Amino acid sequence: MMVQGQEYEAGGSVIHPLNLHMKRFVKDLGLSAVQASGGLLGIYNGETLVFEESNWFIINVIKLVWRYGFQSLRMHMWVEDVLDKFMRIYRYQSHDYAFSSVEKLLHALGGDDFLGMLNRTLLETLQKAGFSEKFLNEMIAPVMRVNYGQSTDI
């Protein structure tokens, strides 16, 4: 982004719609969101495409269930649960409440399990939640690499 003639890396190629602070920054700074381009997803394991998305929603559901069981649905529900916990921060902030440590903040948002994620990698957390190695390696690891340039060992 350009600010007073200087270019800065602002990060955040993907801003979640529930990130209210970033949504406000985008609005206040007069920035615009770039709409996602179309295209189909394919997952390559180094030898062959193990999953190819279709233009048909029902076909994609069948393919996902066939390859991964209901792990995609479980992941959606797991992410929603984590987001619900993070969203609690806005209630505290609306009352100008501050925490004396990150640990106390995370515990207030989601209890011991939520706090425990602070000391585990994403891979460990998702394994503990019961996701299969195949699903983690084929679906989650590529998302982490593309979106964040990271592995699931963060």
N, C-alpha and C. Protein backbone atom coordinates (compact mmCIF):
# COMPACT_ATOMS: atom_id res chain seq x y z
N MET A 1 0.84 -1.16 0.00
CA MET A 1 0.00 0.00 0.00
C MET A 1 0.90 1.23 0.00
N MET A 2 0.43 2.30 -0.62
CA MET A 2 1.18 3.55 -0.67
C MET A 2 0.63 4.52 0.38
N VAL A 3 1.52 5.04 1.20
CA VAL A 3 1.16 6.04 2.20
C VAL A 3 2.17 7.16 2.09
N GLN A 4 1.71 8.35 1.72
CA GLN A 4 2.57 9.53 1.56
C GLN A 4 3.80 9.21 0.72
N GLY A 5 3.57 8.56 -0.42
CA GLY A 5 4.64 8.28 -1.35
C GLY A 5 5.53 7.10 -1.00
N GLN A 6 5.31 6.47 0.13
CA GLN A 6 6.09 5.31 0.55
C GLN A 6 5.24 4.04 0.39
N GLU A 7 5.88 2.99 -0.11
CA GLU A 7 5.17 1.73 -0.26
C GLU A 7 5.43 0.84 0.96
N TYR A 8 4.35 0.30 1.52
CA TYR A 8 4.44 -0.57 2.70
C TYR A 8 3.74 -1.89 2.41
N GLU A 9 4.31 -2.96 2.98
CA GLU A 9 3.66 -4.27 2.92
C GLU A 9 2.67 -4.32 4.06
N ALA A 10 1.40 -4.44 3.74
CA ALA A 10 0.36 -4.46 4.76
C ALA A 10 -0.03 -5.87 5.15
N GLY A 11 0.44 -6.85 4.40
CA GLY A 11 0.10 -8.24 4.72
C GLY A 11 -1.38 -8.50 4.55
N GLY A 12 -1.80 -9.63 5.00
CA GLY A 12 -3.23 -9.94 4.99
C GLY A 12 -3.82 -10.03 3.60
N SER A 13 -3.34 -10.96 2.80
CA SER A 13 -3.92 -11.11 1.47
C SER A 13 -5.36 -11.58 1.55
N VAL A 14 -5.71 -12.19 2.65
CA VAL A 14 -7.08 -12.65 2.87
C VAL A 14 -7.55 -12.06 4.19
N ILE A 15 -8.62 -11.30 4.14
CA ILE A 15 -9.18 -10.71 5.36
C ILE A 15 -10.53 -11.37 5.60
N HIS A 16 -10.65 -12.03 6.73
CA HIS A 16 -11.90 -12.71 7.05
C HIS A 16 -12.99 -11.68 7.31
N PRO A 17 -14.20 -11.92 6.83
CA PRO A 17 -15.29 -10.95 7.03
C PRO A 17 -15.62 -10.68 8.50
N LEU A 18 -15.25 -11.57 9.41
CA LEU A 18 -15.51 -11.33 10.83
C LEU A 18 -14.39 -10.55 11.52
N ASN A 19 -13.33 -10.21 10.79
CA ASN A 19 -12.26 -9.40 11.35
C ASN A 19 -12.70 -7.93 11.27
N LEU A 20 -13.46 -7.51 12.26
CA LEU A 20 -14.09 -6.19 12.23
C LEU A 20 -13.09 -5.05 12.21
N HIS A 21 -11.96 -5.22 12.87
CA HIS A 21 -10.95 -4.15 12.87
C HIS A 21 -10.37 -3.96 11.47
N MET A 22 -10.03 -5.05 10.80
CA MET A 22 -9.47 -4.93 9.44
C MET A 22 -10.51 -4.39 8.47
N LYS A 23 -11.75 -4.80 8.62
CA LYS A 23 -12.81 -4.26 7.76
C LYS A 23 -12.91 -2.75 7.94
N ARG A 24 -12.79 -2.29 9.19
CA ARG A 24 -12.85 -0.85 9.45
C ARG A 24 -11.63 -0.14 8.87
N PHE A 25 -10.43 -0.74 9.03
CA PHE A 25 -9.22 -0.13 8.45
C PHE A 25 -9.35 0.01 6.94
N VAL A 26 -9.84 -1.02 6.29
CA VAL A 26 -10.02 -0.97 4.84
C VAL A 26 -10.94 0.19 4.47
N LYS A 27 -12.03 0.33 5.20
CA LYS A 27 -12.98 1.41 4.94
C LYS A 27 -12.35 2.78 5.24
N ASP A 28 -11.75 2.93 6.43
CA ASP A 28 -11.17 4.21 6.84
C ASP A 28 -10.04 4.67 5.93
N LEU A 29 -9.28 3.71 5.40
CA LEU A 29 -8.15 4.06 4.53
C LEU A 29 -8.56 4.18 3.07
N GLY A 30 -9.84 3.99 2.79
CA GLY A 30 -10.33 4.12 1.42
C GLY A 30 -9.82 3.03 0.49
N LEU A 31 -9.51 1.88 1.06
CA LEU A 31 -9.03 0.76 0.24
C LEU A 31 -10.22 -0.01 -0.31
N SER A 32 -9.96 -0.80 -1.31
CA SER A 32 -11.02 -1.63 -1.85
C SER A 32 -10.58 -3.08 -1.85
N ALA A 33 -11.54 -3.93 -1.69
CA ALA A 33 -11.25 -5.36 -1.70
C ALA A 33 -11.24 -5.86 -3.14
N VAL A 34 -10.36 -6.77 -3.40
CA VAL A 34 -10.31 -7.41 -4.71
C VAL A 34 -11.15 -8.67 -4.62
N GLN A 35 -12.07 -8.80 -5.54
CA GLN A 35 -12.92 -9.98 -5.54
C GLN A 35 -12.12 -11.20 -5.97
N ALA A 36 -12.41 -12.31 -5.37
CA ALA A 36 -11.72 -13.56 -5.71
C ALA A 36 -12.01 -13.92 -7.17
N SER A 37 -10.99 -14.38 -7.84
CA SER A 37 -11.18 -14.80 -9.22
C SER A 37 -11.73 -16.22 -9.23
N GLY A 38 -12.42 -16.53 -10.28
CA GLY A 38 -12.99 -17.87 -10.41
C GLY A 38 -11.90 -18.90 -10.68
N GLY A 39 -12.29 -20.10 -10.73
CA GLY A 39 -11.35 -21.18 -11.00
C GLY A 39 -11.69 -22.37 -10.15
N LEU A 40 -11.18 -23.49 -10.55
CA LEU A 40 -11.46 -24.73 -9.83
C LEU A 40 -10.22 -25.18 -9.07
N LEU A 41 -10.43 -25.82 -7.96
CA LEU A 41 -9.38 -26.31 -7.09
C LEU A 41 -8.93 -27.69 -7.54
N GLY A 42 -7.63 -27.88 -7.51
CA GLY A 42 -7.07 -29.20 -7.74
C GLY A 42 -6.00 -29.45 -6.70
N ILE A 43 -5.90 -30.67 -6.20
CA ILE A 43 -4.89 -31.02 -5.21
C ILE A 43 -3.96 -32.05 -5.82
N TYR A 44 -2.69 -31.69 -5.88
CA TYR A 44 -1.65 -32.53 -6.48
C TYR A 44 -0.74 -33.02 -5.37
N ASN A 45 -0.48 -34.31 -5.30
CA ASN A 45 0.32 -34.87 -4.22
C ASN A 45 1.79 -35.09 -4.61
N GLY A 46 2.20 -34.52 -5.73
CA GLY A 46 3.56 -34.71 -6.21
C GLY A 46 3.66 -35.75 -7.30
N GLU A 47 2.62 -36.54 -7.44
CA GLU A 47 2.59 -37.57 -8.47
C GLU A 47 1.34 -37.49 -9.33
N THR A 48 0.22 -37.20 -8.70
CA THR A 48 -1.05 -37.19 -9.43
C THR A 48 -2.02 -36.23 -8.75
N LEU A 49 -3.05 -35.81 -9.48
CA LEU A 49 -4.11 -35.02 -8.87
C LEU A 49 -4.96 -35.97 -8.03
N VAL A 50 -5.04 -35.69 -6.74
CA VAL A 50 -5.82 -36.55 -5.85
C VAL A 50 -7.24 -36.03 -5.67
N PHE A 51 -7.45 -34.76 -6.05
CA PHE A 51 -8.79 -34.18 -5.98
C PHE A 51 -8.89 -33.10 -7.05
N GLU A 52 -9.97 -33.13 -7.80
CA GLU A 52 -10.26 -32.08 -8.78
C GLU A 52 -11.67 -31.58 -8.54
N GLU A 53 -11.80 -30.29 -8.32
CA GLU A 53 -13.10 -29.69 -8.09
C GLU A 53 -13.90 -29.69 -9.39
N SER A 54 -15.20 -29.78 -9.25
CA SER A 54 -16.12 -29.75 -10.38
C SER A 54 -16.88 -28.43 -10.38
N ASN A 55 -17.53 -28.11 -11.47
CA ASN A 55 -18.42 -26.94 -11.51
C ASN A 55 -19.72 -27.22 -10.77
N TRP A 56 -19.96 -28.46 -10.44
CA TRP A 56 -21.21 -28.88 -9.80
C TRP A 56 -20.99 -29.08 -8.30
N PHE A 57 -21.72 -28.34 -7.48
CA PHE A 57 -21.59 -28.40 -6.02
C PHE A 57 -21.78 -29.82 -5.50
N ILE A 58 -22.85 -30.49 -5.93
CA ILE A 58 -23.16 -31.82 -5.40
C ILE A 58 -22.06 -32.82 -5.75
N ILE A 59 -21.45 -32.67 -6.92
CA ILE A 59 -20.34 -33.54 -7.31
C ILE A 59 -19.16 -33.32 -6.37
N ASN A 60 -18.90 -32.05 -6.03
CA ASN A 60 -17.80 -31.74 -5.10
C ASN A 60 -18.05 -32.35 -3.73
N VAL A 61 -19.28 -32.26 -3.26
CA VAL A 61 -19.62 -32.84 -1.95
C VAL A 61 -19.37 -34.35 -1.98
N ILE A 62 -19.84 -35.00 -3.03
CA ILE A 62 -19.65 -36.45 -3.14
C ILE A 62 -18.17 -36.80 -3.18
N LYS A 63 -17.40 -36.06 -3.97
CA LYS A 63 -15.95 -36.33 -4.06
C LYS A 63 -15.26 -36.13 -2.72
N LEU A 64 -15.62 -35.05 -2.02
CA LEU A 64 -15.01 -34.78 -0.71
C LEU A 64 -15.35 -35.86 0.31
N VAL A 65 -16.62 -36.25 0.34
CA VAL A 65 -17.03 -37.29 1.29
C VAL A 65 -16.37 -38.62 0.92
N TRP A 66 -16.28 -38.91 -0.36
CA TRP A 66 -15.66 -40.17 -0.79
C TRP A 66 -14.19 -40.23 -0.36
N ARG A 67 -13.47 -39.12 -0.52
CA ARG A 67 -12.03 -39.12 -0.23
C ARG A 67 -11.73 -38.89 1.25
N TYR A 68 -12.49 -38.00 1.89
CA TYR A 68 -12.13 -37.57 3.25
C TYR A 68 -13.21 -37.85 4.30
N GLY A 69 -14.26 -38.53 3.93
CA GLY A 69 -15.36 -38.71 4.87
C GLY A 69 -16.01 -37.35 5.14
N PHE A 70 -16.42 -37.12 6.35
CA PHE A 70 -17.07 -35.85 6.68
C PHE A 70 -16.08 -34.85 7.30
N GLN A 71 -14.79 -35.03 7.02
CA GLN A 71 -13.78 -34.16 7.61
C GLN A 71 -13.91 -32.70 7.16
N SER A 72 -14.34 -32.47 5.92
CA SER A 72 -14.52 -31.09 5.46
C SER A 72 -15.61 -30.39 6.26
N LEU A 73 -16.71 -31.09 6.50
CA LEU A 73 -17.79 -30.54 7.32
C LEU A 73 -17.31 -30.33 8.75
N ARG A 74 -16.60 -31.30 9.29
CA ARG A 74 -16.06 -31.17 10.65
C ARG A 74 -15.11 -29.98 10.75
N MET A 75 -14.28 -29.79 9.70
CA MET A 75 -13.35 -28.65 9.70
C MET A 75 -14.12 -27.34 9.69
N HIS A 76 -15.16 -27.27 8.88
CA HIS A 76 -15.98 -26.06 8.84
C HIS A 76 -16.55 -25.77 10.24
N MET A 77 -17.05 -26.79 10.90
CA MET A 77 -17.62 -26.61 12.24
C MET A 77 -16.53 -26.24 13.25
N TRP A 78 -15.34 -26.83 13.13
CA TRP A 78 -14.24 -26.52 14.04
C TRP A 78 -13.81 -25.06 13.88
N VAL A 79 -13.69 -24.62 12.64
CA VAL A 79 -13.30 -23.23 12.37
C VAL A 79 -14.37 -22.28 12.91
N GLU A 80 -15.64 -22.60 12.70
CA GLU A 80 -16.72 -21.76 13.21
C GLU A 80 -16.64 -21.64 14.74
N ASP A 81 -16.33 -22.72 15.41
CA ASP A 81 -16.19 -22.70 16.87
C ASP A 81 -15.04 -21.79 17.30
N VAL A 82 -13.91 -21.89 16.63
CA VAL A 82 -12.76 -21.03 16.95
C VAL A 82 -13.11 -19.57 16.69
N LEU A 83 -13.76 -19.29 15.56
CA LEU A 83 -14.14 -17.91 15.25
C LEU A 83 -15.13 -17.36 16.27
N ASP A 84 -16.08 -18.18 16.70
CA ASP A 84 -17.02 -17.74 17.74
C ASP A 84 -16.28 -17.31 19.00
N LYS A 85 -15.24 -18.05 19.36
CA LYS A 85 -14.46 -17.70 20.54
C LYS A 85 -13.70 -16.39 20.32
N PHE A 86 -13.08 -16.25 19.14
CA PHE A 86 -12.36 -15.01 18.86
C PHE A 86 -13.30 -13.80 18.84
N MET A 87 -14.51 -14.00 18.37
CA MET A 87 -15.46 -12.89 18.28
C MET A 87 -15.81 -12.31 19.65
N ARG A 88 -15.60 -13.06 20.71
CA ARG A 88 -15.90 -12.57 22.05
C ARG A 88 -15.03 -11.36 22.42
N ILE A 89 -13.90 -11.21 21.74
CA ILE A 89 -13.01 -10.08 22.05
C ILE A 89 -13.71 -8.74 21.85
N TYR A 90 -14.61 -8.68 20.87
CA TYR A 90 -15.29 -7.41 20.59
C TYR A 90 -16.19 -6.99 21.74
N ARG A 91 -16.76 -7.96 22.46
CA ARG A 91 -17.57 -7.62 23.63
C ARG A 91 -16.71 -6.99 24.72
N TYR A 92 -15.54 -7.60 24.97
CA TYR A 92 -14.63 -7.04 25.98
C TYR A 92 -14.16 -5.65 25.56
N GLN A 93 -13.81 -5.50 24.30
CA GLN A 93 -13.31 -4.21 23.82
C GLN A 93 -14.39 -3.13 23.86
N SER A 94 -15.64 -3.51 23.62
CA SER A 94 -16.72 -2.51 23.65
C SER A 94 -16.91 -1.93 25.04
N HIS A 95 -16.43 -2.66 26.05
CA HIS A 95 -16.50 -2.18 27.44
C HIS A 95 -15.14 -1.69 27.93
N ASP A 96 -14.21 -1.48 26.99
CA ASP A 96 -12.85 -1.00 27.30
C ASP A 96 -12.14 -1.90 28.31
N TYR A 97 -12.42 -3.19 28.25
CA TYR A 97 -11.78 -4.13 29.16
C TYR A 97 -10.45 -4.58 28.57
N ALA A 98 -9.42 -4.59 29.39
CA ALA A 98 -8.09 -5.03 28.95
C ALA A 98 -7.63 -6.20 29.82
N PHE A 99 -6.77 -7.01 29.25
CA PHE A 99 -6.22 -8.16 29.96
C PHE A 99 -4.76 -7.91 30.26
N SER A 100 -4.28 -8.47 31.36
CA SER A 100 -2.89 -8.26 31.76
C SER A 100 -1.92 -9.18 31.03
N SER A 101 -2.44 -10.18 30.32
CA SER A 101 -1.56 -11.08 29.56
C SER A 101 -2.35 -11.72 28.42
N VAL A 102 -1.62 -12.19 27.44
CA VAL A 102 -2.24 -12.91 26.32
C VAL A 102 -2.93 -14.16 26.84
N GLU A 103 -2.30 -14.83 27.80
CA GLU A 103 -2.87 -16.05 28.36
C GLU A 103 -4.24 -15.78 28.99
N LYS A 104 -4.36 -14.70 29.74
CA LYS A 104 -5.64 -14.38 30.37
C LYS A 104 -6.69 -14.02 29.33
N LEU A 105 -6.27 -13.33 28.29
CA LEU A 105 -7.19 -13.00 27.19
C LEU A 105 -7.72 -14.27 26.54
N LEU A 106 -6.81 -15.17 26.14
CA LEU A 106 -7.23 -16.39 25.45
C LEU A 106 -8.09 -17.28 26.34
N HIS A 107 -7.76 -17.34 27.63
CA HIS A 107 -8.57 -18.13 28.55
C HIS A 107 -9.98 -17.55 28.65
N ALA A 108 -10.08 -16.23 28.72
CA ALA A 108 -11.39 -15.59 28.79
C ALA A 108 -12.20 -15.84 27.52
N LEU A 109 -11.53 -15.92 26.39
CA LEU A 109 -12.23 -16.13 25.12
C LEU A 109 -12.72 -17.56 24.96
N GLY A 110 -11.94 -18.54 25.47
CA GLY A 110 -12.34 -19.91 25.18
C GLY A 110 -11.94 -20.97 26.17
N GLY A 111 -11.49 -20.60 27.34
CA GLY A 111 -11.17 -21.59 28.35
C GLY A 111 -9.82 -22.27 28.16
N ASP A 112 -9.61 -23.35 28.90
CA ASP A 112 -8.32 -24.05 28.91
C ASP A 112 -7.94 -24.62 27.54
N ASP A 113 -8.91 -25.22 26.83
CA ASP A 113 -8.59 -25.80 25.52
C ASP A 113 -8.12 -24.72 24.54
N PHE A 114 -8.79 -23.59 24.56
CA PHE A 114 -8.42 -22.49 23.66
C PHE A 114 -7.03 -21.97 24.03
N LEU A 115 -6.79 -21.80 25.30
CA LEU A 115 -5.48 -21.35 25.77
C LEU A 115 -4.41 -22.36 25.40
N GLY A 116 -4.73 -23.64 25.46
CA GLY A 116 -3.77 -24.69 25.14
C GLY A 116 -3.25 -24.62 23.71
N MET A 117 -4.03 -24.05 22.80
CA MET A 117 -3.59 -23.94 21.41
C MET A 117 -2.38 -23.03 21.27
N LEU A 118 -2.16 -22.17 22.25
CA LEU A 118 -1.03 -21.26 22.22
C LEU A 118 0.30 -22.01 22.22
N ASN A 119 0.33 -23.18 22.83
CA ASN A 119 1.56 -23.94 22.96
C ASN A 119 1.59 -25.21 22.11
N ARG A 120 0.71 -25.28 21.13
CA ARG A 120 0.70 -26.41 20.20
C ARG A 120 0.77 -25.89 18.77
N THR A 121 1.34 -26.70 17.90
CA THR A 121 1.32 -26.33 16.48
C THR A 121 -0.09 -26.54 15.95
N LEU A 122 -0.35 -25.96 14.78
CA LEU A 122 -1.64 -26.19 14.14
C LEU A 122 -1.83 -27.68 13.88
N LEU A 123 -0.78 -28.34 13.42
CA LEU A 123 -0.86 -29.77 13.15
C LEU A 123 -1.25 -30.54 14.41
N GLU A 124 -0.59 -30.26 15.53
CA GLU A 124 -0.92 -30.94 16.79
C GLU A 124 -2.36 -30.66 17.22
N THR A 125 -2.78 -29.42 17.06
CA THR A 125 -4.14 -29.04 17.44
C THR A 125 -5.17 -29.79 16.60
N LEU A 126 -4.94 -29.85 15.29
CA LEU A 126 -5.90 -30.51 14.41
C LEU A 126 -5.87 -32.03 14.57
N GLN A 127 -4.69 -32.58 14.86
CA GLN A 127 -4.62 -34.02 15.16
C GLN A 127 -5.40 -34.32 16.44
N LYS A 128 -5.22 -33.47 17.44
CA LYS A 128 -5.94 -33.65 18.72
C LYS A 128 -7.45 -33.56 18.50
N ALA A 129 -7.87 -32.75 17.53
CA ALA A 129 -9.29 -32.61 17.21
C ALA A 129 -9.81 -33.78 16.38
N GLY A 130 -8.91 -34.69 15.98
CA GLY A 130 -9.34 -35.91 15.31
C GLY A 130 -9.32 -35.90 13.79
N PHE A 131 -8.65 -34.93 13.18
CA PHE A 131 -8.58 -34.89 11.72
C PHE A 131 -7.51 -35.86 11.23
N SER A 132 -7.76 -36.50 10.09
CA SER A 132 -6.85 -37.52 9.56
C SER A 132 -5.61 -36.90 8.94
N GLU A 133 -4.54 -37.69 8.90
CA GLU A 133 -3.29 -37.25 8.27
C GLU A 133 -3.52 -36.92 6.80
N LYS A 134 -4.31 -37.76 6.11
CA LYS A 134 -4.57 -37.53 4.69
C LYS A 134 -5.25 -36.18 4.48
N PHE A 135 -6.27 -35.89 5.27
CA PHE A 135 -6.98 -34.61 5.16
C PHE A 135 -6.05 -33.44 5.48
N LEU A 136 -5.27 -33.58 6.54
CA LEU A 136 -4.36 -32.51 6.94
C LEU A 136 -3.29 -32.27 5.87
N ASN A 137 -2.72 -33.35 5.33
CA ASN A 137 -1.66 -33.21 4.33
C ASN A 137 -2.17 -32.73 2.98
N GLU A 138 -3.35 -33.19 2.59
CA GLU A 138 -3.86 -32.87 1.26
C GLU A 138 -4.70 -31.61 1.21
N MET A 139 -5.37 -31.25 2.28
CA MET A 139 -6.26 -30.08 2.26
C MET A 139 -5.72 -28.91 3.08
N ILE A 140 -5.31 -29.16 4.29
CA ILE A 140 -4.95 -28.07 5.20
C ILE A 140 -3.54 -27.55 4.92
N ALA A 141 -2.58 -28.44 4.75
CA ALA A 141 -1.19 -28.01 4.50
C ALA A 141 -1.09 -27.11 3.26
N PRO A 142 -1.73 -27.46 2.13
CA PRO A 142 -1.66 -26.56 0.97
C PRO A 142 -2.28 -25.18 1.23
N VAL A 143 -3.37 -25.15 1.97
CA VAL A 143 -4.00 -23.86 2.30
C VAL A 143 -3.03 -23.00 3.12
N MET A 144 -2.37 -23.62 4.08
CA MET A 144 -1.41 -22.88 4.90
C MET A 144 -0.24 -22.37 4.06
N ARG A 145 0.23 -23.19 3.12
CA ARG A 145 1.35 -22.76 2.26
C ARG A 145 0.94 -21.61 1.35
N VAL A 146 -0.23 -21.72 0.73
CA VAL A 146 -0.68 -20.70 -0.22
C VAL A 146 -1.02 -19.39 0.50
N ASN A 147 -1.80 -19.47 1.56
CA ASN A 147 -2.27 -18.25 2.23
C ASN A 147 -1.23 -17.60 3.13
N TYR A 148 -0.39 -18.40 3.78
CA TYR A 148 0.50 -17.86 4.80
C TYR A 148 1.97 -18.16 4.58
N GLY A 149 2.29 -18.96 3.55
CA GLY A 149 3.69 -19.33 3.32
C GLY A 149 4.25 -20.14 4.48
N GLN A 150 3.40 -20.89 5.16
CA GLN A 150 3.78 -21.65 6.35
C GLN A 150 3.35 -23.10 6.21
N SER A 151 3.92 -23.94 7.03
CA SER A 151 3.46 -25.32 7.11
C SER A 151 2.47 -25.43 8.27
N THR A 152 1.98 -26.62 8.50
CA THR A 152 1.08 -26.82 9.64
C THR A 152 1.85 -26.96 10.95
N ASP A 153 3.18 -26.88 10.88
CA ASP A 153 4.00 -26.98 12.09
C ASP A 153 4.18 -25.64 12.79
N ILE A 154 3.37 -24.64 12.43
CA ILE A 154 3.48 -23.34 13.10
C ILE A 154 2.65 -23.36 14.36
